[in-house]
Amino acid sequence: MKWTATKIKALKAKQKIAVLTAYDTLTGSLVDAADIPMVLVGDSLGMTVLGYETTLPVSMDEMLHHTAAVSRGVANALIVADMPFMSYQPSVEMGLENAGRFLKEAHADAVKIEGGALRTELVEALVENGIPVLGHIGLTPQSIKQMGGYAVQGKTSEQARELMDDAMAIEQAGAFALVLECVPAELAQMISSALTIPTIGIGAGAGCDGQVLVFTDLLGISDKPVPKFVKKYADLNPIISGALSAYKAEVEAGSFPTDEQTY
């Protein structure tokens, strides 16, 4: 069954929604094989794949390249492409054009954009033109310079009201779901209860309608520290390192390949 934005939206209050990032054909196929209903080609690939310090340098060409690769490995999951920094901020027209490229060129099913009420005109334009939108509020990594770092958002009553207003605005503009990142659990629960669209939490507690994690974080592939909200379901880094070291040792010793690996 191919997942659509409409089907994801219909899961509200019926089933918790598991979401994972993917960055290429291999990771996309692995996530799809696990029956994960939604795959996010996150601009987090800037750090996990491309070696950037933040998401800010990620370009449209890079996102299109990786989204297309993921689409070649996914048959059923809804593929959501992250719109990178400055691909939609300058104007609604630019955002509409670039979002269209994700669907036309990279075979995405939807796009994700960061920001609250100030993005309503763009969300409306995208939805009116047949492009499903996943919203994203709370900690928005593309605004990290203005925010002054990676920190929990909505801790004061004023910030909480602003996030609630942003959530309502994005829903009213037509988004099919909303990511809540690094938001206090109580506030995330309140927002989730107030909305008729699903909320997808990342560092926002169990009260959200779904959860998203970064593929490499979940599997413990990197040796870098991970945020508090990450749960490692595997610790593959030492396994991978051990395998690579064993390969090197066998090649140097002449014990690989053996007759079993020889034609």
Foldseek 3Di string as FASTA:
>chain_A
DAAALVNQQVCQVPAFAEEEEDFAQVRLLVCQVVVRAAYEPDLCCCVVPVNDPASQVDDLVSQLVRLLRSVVNHDHHQYETEDGPPQPVVHLVSVLVSLVCCCVRRVHRAYEYEDFLVCLVSLLVCVVVPHAYEYEYFDDRSCCVVVVHDAAFDPDVVRLVVVLRRLVSNVVSPHQEYEYERYDQVSQLVSSVPDSHFYEYQNRDDSGSYYYDYPCQQCLCDPDDDDPSTDHPHNCNVVVVVVVVVVVVCVVVVVPPDPVPPD
